[in-house]
C-alpha cells in the first residue's frame, strides 16, 4: 500500500478514500467502474493503453452528457447536476 501511495504522490494525485475498508466511501466509484466495464470495456478486445484511454474518455463523455438515467428523472448526469444547481 505504501508503494501505491508513493506512486500517487509522484503523479500529483491524492487518494480519495478516507478510511480503510469503508464501503460507503467506495460505493459510488465502484458502481461507476461496474457500469464502465459492463457497458463499454467488456465489449472490446483492448490491444494497448492508448486504445483503453480512448475508450474510457469516450465512455465518460457519453455517460455524463448523453446517457439518461431513470433514477435522475430521465436526465443525463450533467443535466441533473445543472438542474440541482439552478434550484
N, C-alpha and C. Protein backbone atom coordinates (compact mmCIF):
# COMPACT_ATOMS: atom_id res chain seq x y z
N UNK A 1 0.82 -1.19 0.00
CA UNK A 1 0.00 0.00 0.00
C UNK A 1 0.86 1.26 0.00
N UNK A 2 2.01 1.21 0.71
CA UNK A 2 2.91 2.36 0.73
C UNK A 2 3.40 2.69 -0.68
N UNK A 3 3.73 1.63 -1.43
CA UNK A 3 4.22 1.83 -2.79
C UNK A 3 3.15 2.50 -3.65
N UNK A 4 1.90 2.07 -3.50
CA UNK A 4 0.80 2.67 -4.25
C UNK A 4 0.64 4.15 -3.90
N UNK A 5 0.68 4.48 -2.61
CA UNK A 5 0.56 5.88 -2.19
C UNK A 5 1.70 6.71 -2.74
N UNK A 6 2.90 6.14 -2.77
CA UNK A 6 4.07 6.85 -3.30
C UNK A 6 3.89 7.12 -4.80
N UNK A 7 3.38 6.13 -5.53
CA UNK A 7 3.12 6.32 -6.96
C UNK A 7 2.10 7.43 -7.18
N UNK A 8 1.04 7.45 -6.38
CA UNK A 8 0.03 8.51 -6.49
C UNK A 8 0.67 9.87 -6.23
N UNK A 9 1.50 9.95 -5.19
CA UNK A 9 2.16 11.20 -4.84
C UNK A 9 3.04 11.69 -5.98
N UNK A 10 3.78 10.77 -6.59
CA UNK A 10 4.66 11.13 -7.71
C UNK A 10 3.86 11.65 -8.91
N UNK A 11 2.63 11.17 -9.06
CA UNK A 11 1.77 11.62 -10.15
C UNK A 11 0.97 12.87 -9.79
N UNK A 12 1.17 13.37 -8.56
CA UNK A 12 0.46 14.56 -8.12
C UNK A 12 -1.00 14.27 -7.79
N UNK A 13 -1.29 13.02 -7.40
CA UNK A 13 -2.66 12.62 -7.11
C UNK A 13 -2.82 12.36 -5.61
N UNK A 14 -4.06 12.52 -5.13
CA UNK A 14 -4.38 12.25 -3.75
C UNK A 14 -5.39 11.12 -3.69
N UNK A 15 -5.15 10.16 -2.83
CA UNK A 15 -6.08 9.05 -2.67
C UNK A 15 -7.39 9.59 -2.11
N UNK A 16 -8.51 9.17 -2.71
CA UNK A 16 -9.80 9.74 -2.32
C UNK A 16 -10.49 8.99 -1.20
N UNK A 17 -10.14 7.77 -0.96
CA UNK A 17 -10.80 7.00 0.09
C UNK A 17 -10.24 7.45 1.44
N UNK A 18 -11.14 7.87 2.32
CA UNK A 18 -10.68 8.47 3.57
C UNK A 18 -10.29 7.46 4.64
N UNK A 19 -10.97 6.32 4.67
CA UNK A 19 -10.68 5.33 5.70
C UNK A 19 -10.55 3.95 5.07
N UNK A 20 -9.73 3.13 5.66
CA UNK A 20 -9.52 1.78 5.16
C UNK A 20 -10.81 0.96 5.30
N UNK A 21 -11.15 0.25 4.23
CA UNK A 21 -12.26 -0.70 4.21
C UNK A 21 -13.59 -0.07 4.61
N UNK A 22 -13.88 1.11 4.12
CA UNK A 22 -15.17 1.74 4.38
C UNK A 22 -15.98 1.72 3.10
N UNK A 23 -16.96 0.83 3.03
CA UNK A 23 -17.70 0.62 1.79
C UNK A 23 -18.48 1.86 1.37
N UNK A 24 -18.84 2.73 2.30
CA UNK A 24 -19.61 3.91 1.95
C UNK A 24 -18.77 4.93 1.18
N UNK A 25 -17.49 4.96 1.45
CA UNK A 25 -16.58 5.81 0.68
C UNK A 25 -16.42 5.27 -0.73
N UNK A 26 -16.40 3.98 -0.84
CA UNK A 26 -16.04 3.30 -2.07
C UNK A 26 -17.22 3.06 -3.03
N UNK A 27 -18.43 3.01 -2.53
CA UNK A 27 -19.60 2.59 -3.31
C UNK A 27 -19.82 3.37 -4.61
N UNK A 28 -19.78 4.71 -4.61
CA UNK A 28 -20.06 5.42 -5.86
C UNK A 28 -19.08 5.11 -6.98
N UNK A 29 -17.80 5.05 -6.68
CA UNK A 29 -16.82 4.79 -7.73
C UNK A 29 -16.86 3.33 -8.16
N UNK A 30 -17.11 2.42 -7.21
CA UNK A 30 -17.25 1.01 -7.57
C UNK A 30 -18.43 0.82 -8.51
N UNK A 31 -19.52 1.52 -8.26
CA UNK A 31 -20.69 1.47 -9.12
C UNK A 31 -20.36 1.98 -10.52
N UNK A 32 -19.63 3.09 -10.57
CA UNK A 32 -19.26 3.66 -11.88
C UNK A 32 -18.36 2.70 -12.65
N UNK A 33 -17.37 2.10 -11.97
CA UNK A 33 -16.49 1.15 -12.65
C UNK A 33 -17.26 -0.07 -13.14
N UNK A 34 -18.27 -0.47 -12.40
CA UNK A 34 -19.10 -1.59 -12.84
C UNK A 34 -19.82 -1.24 -14.14
N UNK A 35 -20.40 -0.04 -14.20
CA UNK A 35 -21.05 0.42 -15.45
C UNK A 35 -20.03 0.49 -16.58
N UNK A 36 -18.87 1.07 -16.32
CA UNK A 36 -17.83 1.21 -17.33
C UNK A 36 -17.45 -0.14 -17.92
N UNK A 37 -17.23 -1.12 -17.07
CA UNK A 37 -16.86 -2.45 -17.56
C UNK A 37 -18.01 -3.10 -18.32
N UNK A 38 -19.20 -3.05 -17.75
CA UNK A 38 -20.34 -3.74 -18.35
C UNK A 38 -20.80 -3.09 -19.65
N UNK A 39 -20.85 -1.77 -19.69
CA UNK A 39 -21.38 -1.07 -20.86
C UNK A 39 -20.34 -0.76 -21.92
N UNK A 40 -19.08 -0.87 -21.58
CA UNK A 40 -18.05 -0.46 -22.54
C UNK A 40 -16.91 -1.46 -22.67
N UNK A 41 -16.10 -1.59 -21.65
CA UNK A 41 -14.84 -2.32 -21.77
C UNK A 41 -14.99 -3.79 -22.11
N UNK A 42 -16.02 -4.45 -21.59
CA UNK A 42 -16.21 -5.87 -21.86
C UNK A 42 -16.60 -6.15 -23.30
N UNK A 43 -16.90 -5.13 -24.06
CA UNK A 43 -17.33 -5.31 -25.46
C UNK A 43 -16.16 -5.27 -26.45
N UNK A 44 -14.96 -4.98 -25.96
CA UNK A 44 -13.81 -4.82 -26.85
C UNK A 44 -12.64 -5.68 -26.40
N UNK A 45 -11.83 -6.07 -27.34
CA UNK A 45 -10.55 -6.69 -27.02
C UNK A 45 -9.53 -5.54 -27.08
N UNK A 46 -9.13 -5.08 -25.93
CA UNK A 46 -8.26 -3.90 -25.84
C UNK A 46 -6.82 -4.32 -26.10
N UNK A 47 -6.21 -3.63 -27.06
CA UNK A 47 -4.87 -4.03 -27.52
C UNK A 47 -3.74 -3.26 -26.85
N UNK A 48 -4.01 -2.03 -26.41
CA UNK A 48 -2.94 -1.23 -25.82
C UNK A 48 -3.53 -0.13 -24.93
N UNK A 49 -2.67 0.55 -24.20
CA UNK A 49 -3.11 1.59 -23.26
C UNK A 49 -3.74 2.77 -23.99
N UNK A 50 -3.27 3.07 -25.19
CA UNK A 50 -3.83 4.18 -25.96
C UNK A 50 -5.31 3.90 -26.28
N UNK A 51 -5.60 2.67 -26.70
CA UNK A 51 -6.98 2.31 -27.00
C UNK A 51 -7.83 2.34 -25.72
N UNK A 52 -7.28 1.86 -24.62
CA UNK A 52 -8.01 1.88 -23.35
C UNK A 52 -8.34 3.31 -22.95
N UNK A 53 -7.37 4.20 -23.03
CA UNK A 53 -7.62 5.62 -22.68
C UNK A 53 -8.70 6.22 -23.57
N UNK A 54 -8.63 5.92 -24.85
CA UNK A 54 -9.63 6.43 -25.80
C UNK A 54 -11.02 5.93 -25.43
N UNK A 55 -11.14 4.63 -25.16
CA UNK A 55 -12.44 4.05 -24.80
C UNK A 55 -12.98 4.67 -23.51
N UNK A 56 -12.13 4.80 -22.50
CA UNK A 56 -12.56 5.36 -21.22
C UNK A 56 -12.98 6.82 -21.38
N UNK A 57 -12.21 7.61 -22.13
CA UNK A 57 -12.57 9.01 -22.35
C UNK A 57 -13.88 9.14 -23.10
N UNK A 58 -14.06 8.36 -24.15
CA UNK A 58 -15.31 8.40 -24.92
C UNK A 58 -16.49 7.97 -24.07
N UNK A 59 -16.31 6.90 -23.29
CA UNK A 59 -17.40 6.41 -22.44
C UNK A 59 -17.76 7.46 -21.40
N UNK A 60 -16.77 8.06 -20.77
CA UNK A 60 -17.02 9.05 -19.73
C UNK A 60 -17.79 10.24 -20.29
N UNK A 61 -17.41 10.70 -21.47
CA UNK A 61 -18.13 11.80 -22.12
C UNK A 61 -19.58 11.39 -22.41
N UNK A 62 -19.76 10.21 -22.97
CA UNK A 62 -21.11 9.71 -23.27
C UNK A 62 -21.93 9.55 -21.99
N UNK A 63 -21.33 8.96 -20.96
CA UNK A 63 -22.02 8.72 -19.70
C UNK A 63 -22.50 10.03 -19.08
N UNK A 64 -21.67 11.05 -19.09
CA UNK A 64 -22.02 12.33 -18.47
C UNK A 64 -22.96 13.19 -19.29
N UNK A 65 -22.87 13.10 -20.62
CA UNK A 65 -23.60 14.05 -21.47
C UNK A 65 -24.73 13.48 -22.31
N UNK A 66 -24.78 12.15 -22.47
CA UNK A 66 -25.80 11.57 -23.33
C UNK A 66 -26.63 10.47 -22.67
N UNK A 67 -26.03 9.70 -21.80
CA UNK A 67 -26.71 8.54 -21.20
C UNK A 67 -27.73 9.01 -20.17
N UNK A 68 -29.01 8.76 -20.44
CA UNK A 68 -30.03 9.15 -19.48
C UNK A 68 -30.12 8.11 -18.37
N UNK A 69 -30.62 8.55 -17.23
CA UNK A 69 -30.73 7.68 -16.07
C UNK A 69 -32.13 7.81 -15.49
N UNK A 70 -32.82 6.69 -15.31
CA UNK A 70 -34.17 6.72 -14.76
C UNK A 70 -34.18 7.23 -13.32
N UNK A 71 -33.12 6.96 -12.56
CA UNK A 71 -33.10 7.47 -11.18
C UNK A 71 -32.75 8.96 -11.12
N UNK A 72 -32.52 9.56 -12.27
CA UNK A 72 -32.30 11.01 -12.35
C UNK A 72 -33.40 11.65 -13.20
N UNK A 73 -34.58 11.05 -13.16
CA UNK A 73 -35.76 11.55 -13.87
C UNK A 73 -35.55 11.64 -15.38
N UNK A 74 -34.81 10.71 -15.94
CA UNK A 74 -34.59 10.68 -17.39
C UNK A 74 -33.59 11.72 -17.89
N UNK A 75 -32.81 12.28 -16.99
CA UNK A 75 -31.81 13.28 -17.36
C UNK A 75 -30.43 12.64 -17.41
N UNK A 76 -29.52 13.29 -18.10
CA UNK A 76 -28.12 12.87 -18.04
C UNK A 76 -27.54 13.40 -16.73
N UNK A 77 -26.39 12.88 -16.29
CA UNK A 77 -25.78 13.41 -15.05
C UNK A 77 -25.52 14.92 -15.11
N UNK A 78 -25.08 15.42 -16.24
CA UNK A 78 -24.80 16.86 -16.37
C UNK A 78 -26.10 17.66 -16.27
N UNK A 79 -27.16 17.20 -16.94
CA UNK A 79 -28.45 17.89 -16.87
C UNK A 79 -28.99 17.88 -15.44
N UNK A 80 -28.86 16.73 -14.79
CA UNK A 80 -29.35 16.59 -13.41
C UNK A 80 -28.59 17.54 -12.47
N UNK A 81 -27.28 17.58 -12.62
CA UNK A 81 -26.47 18.49 -11.79
C UNK A 81 -26.84 19.93 -12.04
N UNK A 82 -26.97 20.31 -13.32
CA UNK A 82 -27.32 21.70 -13.65
C UNK A 82 -28.69 22.08 -13.10
N UNK A 83 -29.62 21.13 -13.17
CA UNK A 83 -30.96 21.37 -12.62
C UNK A 83 -30.89 21.57 -11.10
N UNK A 84 -30.08 20.76 -10.42
CA UNK A 84 -29.94 20.88 -8.98
C UNK A 84 -29.28 22.21 -8.59
N UNK A 85 -28.31 22.64 -9.36
CA UNK A 85 -27.62 23.91 -9.09
C UNK A 85 -28.57 25.07 -9.27
N UNK A 86 -29.43 25.01 -10.29
CA UNK A 86 -30.35 26.10 -10.60
C UNK A 86 -31.47 26.21 -9.56
N UNK A 87 -31.76 25.12 -8.87
CA UNK A 87 -32.89 25.12 -7.90
C UNK A 87 -32.55 25.85 -6.62
